[in-house]
Amino acid sequence: MHRRWWKRSRGGLTMLRVTLQLLRTACIVWPNSASEVLLAGSFDGWVTQRKMEKSNTGIFSVSLKLYPGKYEIKFIVDGKWMIDPLRPIVRNNGHENNLLTIT
């Protein structure tokens, strides 16, 4: 019985390892002028607003680990919800969001 549990556990760890290998790093950038930029999106059900870091050149960025797929994102720039017009745009239930595709 103990041996059988080990095999299941080991198989579970293998599956976990394979699942984690599917994660991709996505760097999302807001290149426009701002004091503070946050990012929200469907990647976590729109639950969090992640603070983007401002570089010396004034460009905001954040890196996320995401599984391949399509996500909707939106930027909160100095307290105002905005889309990046240079990114693909989707319209969903009357809202405009940017489309982020992870391959």
N, C-alpha and C. Protein backbone atom coordinates (compact mmCIF):
# COMPACT_ATOMS: atom_id res chain seq x y z
N MET A 1 0.82 -1.19 0.00
CA MET A 1 0.00 0.00 0.00
C MET A 1 0.87 1.25 0.00
N HIS A 2 1.89 1.28 0.80
CA HIS A 2 2.78 2.43 0.85
C HIS A 2 3.45 2.65 -0.51
N ARG A 3 3.86 1.55 -1.13
CA ARG A 3 4.53 1.63 -2.43
C ARG A 3 3.60 2.21 -3.49
N ARG A 4 2.36 1.80 -3.50
CA ARG A 4 1.38 2.31 -4.46
C ARG A 4 1.19 3.82 -4.27
N TRP A 5 1.10 4.28 -3.04
CA TRP A 5 0.95 5.70 -2.76
C TRP A 5 2.13 6.48 -3.33
N TRP A 6 3.33 5.93 -3.20
CA TRP A 6 4.52 6.60 -3.72
C TRP A 6 4.44 6.78 -5.23
N LYS A 7 3.98 5.74 -5.93
CA LYS A 7 3.85 5.83 -7.39
C LYS A 7 2.86 6.93 -7.78
N ARG A 8 1.75 6.99 -7.09
CA ARG A 8 0.76 8.04 -7.37
C ARG A 8 1.36 9.42 -7.10
N SER A 9 2.03 9.52 -5.99
CA SER A 9 2.64 10.78 -5.61
C SER A 9 3.69 11.19 -6.65
N ARG A 10 4.51 10.23 -7.03
CA ARG A 10 5.55 10.52 -8.01
C ARG A 10 4.93 10.95 -9.35
N GLY A 11 3.87 10.25 -9.76
CA GLY A 11 3.18 10.63 -10.99
C GLY A 11 2.58 12.02 -10.89
N GLY A 12 2.06 12.35 -9.72
CA GLY A 12 1.51 13.69 -9.49
C GLY A 12 2.59 14.75 -9.61
N LEU A 13 3.78 14.45 -9.07
CA LEU A 13 4.88 15.40 -9.18
C LEU A 13 5.33 15.56 -10.62
N THR A 14 5.33 14.47 -11.37
CA THR A 14 5.68 14.55 -12.79
C THR A 14 4.68 15.43 -13.52
N MET A 15 3.39 15.23 -13.24
CA MET A 15 2.36 16.05 -13.89
C MET A 15 2.52 17.52 -13.51
N LEU A 16 2.82 17.77 -12.25
CA LEU A 16 3.03 19.15 -11.80
C LEU A 16 4.22 19.77 -12.52
N ARG A 17 5.30 19.02 -12.66
CA ARG A 17 6.48 19.51 -13.34
C ARG A 17 6.16 19.85 -14.80
N VAL A 18 5.42 18.98 -15.48
CA VAL A 18 5.04 19.22 -16.87
C VAL A 18 4.14 20.45 -16.97
N THR A 19 3.20 20.57 -16.03
CA THR A 19 2.30 21.71 -16.03
C THR A 19 3.06 23.02 -15.84
N LEU A 20 4.01 23.04 -14.93
CA LEU A 20 4.80 24.25 -14.69
C LEU A 20 5.67 24.60 -15.89
N GLN A 21 6.11 23.59 -16.64
CA GLN A 21 6.93 23.85 -17.83
C GLN A 21 6.14 24.58 -18.91
N LEU A 22 4.82 24.51 -18.85
CA LEU A 22 3.99 25.19 -19.84
C LEU A 22 3.91 26.69 -19.60
N LEU A 23 4.24 27.14 -18.40
CA LEU A 23 4.17 28.57 -18.10
C LEU A 23 5.14 29.35 -18.97
N ARG A 24 4.70 30.50 -19.43
CA ARG A 24 5.52 31.39 -20.24
C ARG A 24 5.64 32.73 -19.52
N THR A 25 6.77 33.41 -19.68
CA THR A 25 6.93 34.74 -19.11
C THR A 25 6.51 35.76 -20.15
N ALA A 26 5.58 36.62 -19.75
CA ALA A 26 5.10 37.68 -20.64
C ALA A 26 5.50 39.02 -20.03
N CYS A 27 6.17 39.85 -20.80
CA CYS A 27 6.52 41.20 -20.36
C CYS A 27 5.53 42.16 -21.02
N ILE A 28 4.76 42.84 -20.20
CA ILE A 28 3.74 43.77 -20.69
C ILE A 28 4.23 45.18 -20.42
N VAL A 29 4.13 46.04 -21.44
CA VAL A 29 4.72 47.38 -21.38
C VAL A 29 3.65 48.44 -21.62
N TRP A 30 3.74 49.54 -20.87
CA TRP A 30 2.98 50.77 -21.13
C TRP A 30 4.02 51.84 -21.42
N PRO A 31 4.17 52.23 -22.71
CA PRO A 31 5.26 53.15 -23.08
C PRO A 31 4.91 54.63 -22.98
N ASN A 32 3.68 54.94 -22.59
CA ASN A 32 3.24 56.34 -22.58
C ASN A 32 3.49 57.01 -21.23
N SER A 33 3.45 58.31 -21.23
CA SER A 33 3.71 59.10 -20.04
C SER A 33 2.66 58.84 -18.96
N ALA A 34 3.13 58.73 -17.70
CA ALA A 34 2.22 58.52 -16.56
C ALA A 34 3.02 58.62 -15.27
N SER A 35 2.30 58.77 -14.17
CA SER A 35 2.93 58.74 -12.86
C SER A 35 2.86 57.34 -12.26
N GLU A 36 1.73 56.66 -12.49
CA GLU A 36 1.54 55.30 -11.98
C GLU A 36 0.70 54.51 -12.96
N VAL A 37 1.10 53.25 -13.19
CA VAL A 37 0.35 52.37 -14.09
C VAL A 37 0.17 51.02 -13.40
N LEU A 38 -1.07 50.54 -13.41
CA LEU A 38 -1.41 49.23 -12.89
C LEU A 38 -1.95 48.39 -14.04
N LEU A 39 -1.87 47.08 -13.91
CA LEU A 39 -2.40 46.17 -14.93
C LEU A 39 -3.42 45.24 -14.29
N ALA A 40 -4.56 45.09 -14.95
CA ALA A 40 -5.58 44.13 -14.53
C ALA A 40 -5.92 43.27 -15.73
N GLY A 41 -6.48 42.07 -15.47
CA GLY A 41 -6.82 41.23 -16.61
C GLY A 41 -7.53 39.95 -16.24
N SER A 42 -7.95 39.27 -17.29
CA SER A 42 -8.67 38.01 -17.13
C SER A 42 -7.75 36.88 -16.67
N PHE A 43 -6.43 37.09 -16.70
CA PHE A 43 -5.48 36.06 -16.28
C PHE A 43 -5.69 35.64 -14.83
N ASP A 44 -6.32 36.51 -14.02
CA ASP A 44 -6.65 36.13 -12.63
C ASP A 44 -8.10 36.49 -12.28
N GLY A 45 -8.93 36.58 -13.32
CA GLY A 45 -10.34 36.89 -13.09
C GLY A 45 -10.59 38.35 -12.74
N TRP A 46 -9.68 39.23 -13.12
CA TRP A 46 -9.80 40.67 -12.85
C TRP A 46 -9.77 40.98 -11.36
N VAL A 47 -9.12 40.11 -10.58
CA VAL A 47 -9.12 40.26 -9.12
C VAL A 47 -8.06 41.27 -8.64
N THR A 48 -6.87 41.22 -9.23
CA THR A 48 -5.79 42.09 -8.75
C THR A 48 -5.47 43.19 -9.74
N GLN A 49 -4.83 44.21 -9.22
CA GLN A 49 -4.27 45.28 -10.04
C GLN A 49 -2.78 45.30 -9.74
N ARG A 50 -1.99 44.85 -10.70
CA ARG A 50 -0.55 44.70 -10.49
C ARG A 50 0.17 45.99 -10.86
N LYS A 51 0.99 46.46 -9.93
CA LYS A 51 1.73 47.69 -10.17
C LYS A 51 2.86 47.44 -11.17
N MET A 52 2.93 48.31 -12.17
CA MET A 52 3.98 48.21 -13.17
C MET A 52 5.15 49.08 -12.74
N GLU A 53 6.36 48.60 -12.99
CA GLU A 53 7.57 49.32 -12.59
C GLU A 53 7.97 50.32 -13.67
N LYS A 54 8.36 51.52 -13.24
CA LYS A 54 8.78 52.57 -14.17
C LYS A 54 10.30 52.53 -14.33
N SER A 55 10.74 52.47 -15.58
CA SER A 55 12.19 52.44 -15.86
C SER A 55 12.74 53.87 -15.86
N ASN A 56 14.06 53.97 -15.98
CA ASN A 56 14.71 55.29 -16.05
C ASN A 56 14.24 56.09 -17.25
N THR A 57 13.82 55.40 -18.30
CA THR A 57 13.37 56.08 -19.52
C THR A 57 11.87 56.39 -19.48
N GLY A 58 11.20 56.05 -18.37
CA GLY A 58 9.78 56.38 -18.23
C GLY A 58 8.82 55.33 -18.75
N ILE A 59 9.34 54.16 -19.16
CA ILE A 59 8.49 53.09 -19.66
C ILE A 59 8.09 52.18 -18.50
N PHE A 60 6.82 51.86 -18.43
CA PHE A 60 6.30 50.98 -17.37
C PHE A 60 6.25 49.55 -17.89
N SER A 61 6.59 48.59 -17.02
CA SER A 61 6.53 47.18 -17.43
C SER A 61 6.24 46.29 -16.22
N VAL A 62 5.71 45.12 -16.53
CA VAL A 62 5.49 44.08 -15.53
C VAL A 62 5.64 42.74 -16.23
N SER A 63 6.22 41.77 -15.53
CA SER A 63 6.36 40.42 -16.07
C SER A 63 5.39 39.50 -15.35
N LEU A 64 4.72 38.67 -16.12
CA LEU A 64 3.76 37.70 -15.59
C LEU A 64 4.11 36.32 -16.10
N LYS A 65 3.86 35.31 -15.29
CA LYS A 65 3.99 33.91 -15.72
C LYS A 65 2.58 33.43 -16.04
N LEU A 66 2.34 33.11 -17.31
CA LEU A 66 1.00 32.72 -17.77
C LEU A 66 1.07 31.47 -18.63
N TYR A 67 -0.01 30.72 -18.63
CA TYR A 67 -0.14 29.58 -19.52
C TYR A 67 -0.52 30.07 -20.91
N PRO A 68 -0.17 29.33 -21.95
CA PRO A 68 -0.59 29.71 -23.30
C PRO A 68 -2.11 29.89 -23.37
N GLY A 69 -2.52 30.91 -24.10
CA GLY A 69 -3.93 31.20 -24.24
C GLY A 69 -4.16 32.66 -24.55
N LYS A 70 -5.42 33.06 -24.57
CA LYS A 70 -5.79 34.44 -24.84
C LYS A 70 -6.35 35.05 -23.57
N TYR A 71 -5.88 36.25 -23.26
CA TYR A 71 -6.29 36.97 -22.06
C TYR A 71 -6.69 38.39 -22.43
N GLU A 72 -7.64 38.92 -21.71
CA GLU A 72 -7.99 40.33 -21.86
C GLU A 72 -7.29 41.09 -20.74
N ILE A 73 -6.71 42.24 -21.10
CA ILE A 73 -6.02 43.07 -20.12
C ILE A 73 -6.46 44.52 -20.27
N LYS A 74 -6.24 45.29 -19.22
CA LYS A 74 -6.52 46.73 -19.26
C LYS A 74 -5.56 47.42 -18.31
N PHE A 75 -5.17 48.63 -18.66
CA PHE A 75 -4.24 49.41 -17.88
C PHE A 75 -5.00 50.44 -17.06
N ILE A 76 -4.54 50.69 -15.85
CA ILE A 76 -5.09 51.75 -15.02
C ILE A 76 -3.98 52.79 -14.92
N VAL A 77 -4.15 53.87 -15.67
CA VAL A 77 -3.12 54.89 -15.81
C VAL A 77 -3.54 56.11 -14.99
N ASP A 78 -2.77 56.37 -13.95
CA ASP A 78 -3.08 57.49 -13.05
C ASP A 78 -4.55 57.47 -12.63
N GLY A 79 -5.04 56.27 -12.32
CA GLY A 79 -6.40 56.10 -11.81
C GLY A 79 -7.48 55.94 -12.87
N LYS A 80 -7.12 56.03 -14.15
CA LYS A 80 -8.11 55.94 -15.23
C LYS A 80 -7.88 54.64 -16.02
N TRP A 81 -8.98 53.87 -16.21
CA TRP A 81 -8.89 52.63 -17.00
C TRP A 81 -8.67 52.98 -18.46
N MET A 82 -7.63 52.39 -19.07
CA MET A 82 -7.29 52.70 -20.46
C MET A 82 -6.84 51.43 -21.20
N ILE A 83 -6.99 51.50 -22.52
CA ILE A 83 -6.43 50.46 -23.38
C ILE A 83 -5.24 51.06 -24.11
N ASP A 84 -4.37 50.21 -24.60
CA ASP A 84 -3.26 50.62 -25.44
C ASP A 84 -3.72 50.50 -26.88
N PRO A 85 -3.85 51.61 -27.61
CA PRO A 85 -4.36 51.54 -28.98
C PRO A 85 -3.44 50.79 -29.94
N LEU A 86 -2.20 50.54 -29.55
CA LEU A 86 -1.27 49.80 -30.41
C LEU A 86 -1.36 48.30 -30.23
N ARG A 87 -2.10 47.85 -29.23
CA ARG A 87 -2.32 46.41 -29.01
C ARG A 87 -3.66 46.01 -29.61
N PRO A 88 -3.84 44.72 -29.91
CA PRO A 88 -5.16 44.28 -30.39
C PRO A 88 -6.25 44.61 -29.36
N ILE A 89 -7.40 45.00 -29.86
CA ILE A 89 -8.53 45.40 -29.01
C ILE A 89 -9.69 44.44 -29.21
N VAL A 90 -10.32 44.04 -28.10
CA VAL A 90 -11.51 43.21 -28.16
C VAL A 90 -12.64 43.96 -27.46
N ARG A 91 -13.85 43.73 -27.94
CA ARG A 91 -15.04 44.30 -27.31
C ARG A 91 -15.83 43.17 -26.70
N ASN A 92 -16.09 43.28 -25.40
CA ASN A 92 -16.74 42.20 -24.67
C ASN A 92 -17.77 42.81 -23.72
N ASN A 93 -19.05 42.52 -23.96
CA ASN A 93 -20.13 43.02 -23.11
C ASN A 93 -20.08 44.54 -22.94
N GLY A 94 -19.80 45.24 -24.02
CA GLY A 94 -19.77 46.70 -23.98
C GLY A 94 -18.47 47.29 -23.47
N HIS A 95 -17.48 46.46 -23.15
CA HIS A 95 -16.19 46.95 -22.65
C HIS A 95 -15.12 46.73 -23.71
N GLU A 96 -14.19 47.66 -23.80
CA GLU A 96 -13.03 47.50 -24.67
C GLU A 96 -11.83 47.12 -23.81
N ASN A 97 -11.16 46.07 -24.22
CA ASN A 97 -9.95 45.61 -23.54
C ASN A 97 -8.91 45.28 -24.59
N ASN A 98 -7.66 45.21 -24.14
CA ASN A 98 -6.61 44.73 -25.02
C ASN A 98 -6.55 43.21 -24.95
N LEU A 99 -6.15 42.62 -26.06
CA LEU A 99 -6.00 41.17 -26.14
C LEU A 99 -4.52 40.82 -26.00
N LEU A 100 -4.23 39.91 -25.08
CA LEU A 100 -2.88 39.41 -24.87
C LEU A 100 -2.89 37.92 -25.23
N THR A 101 -2.08 37.54 -26.23
CA THR A 101 -2.01 36.16 -26.66
C THR A 101 -0.66 35.58 -26.25
N ILE A 102 -0.71 34.49 -25.50
CA ILE A 102 0.51 33.80 -25.07
C ILE A 102 0.60 32.49 -25.84
N THR A 103 1.73 32.29 -26.53
CA THR A 103 1.91 31.07 -27.33
C THR A 103 2.89 30.12 -26.68
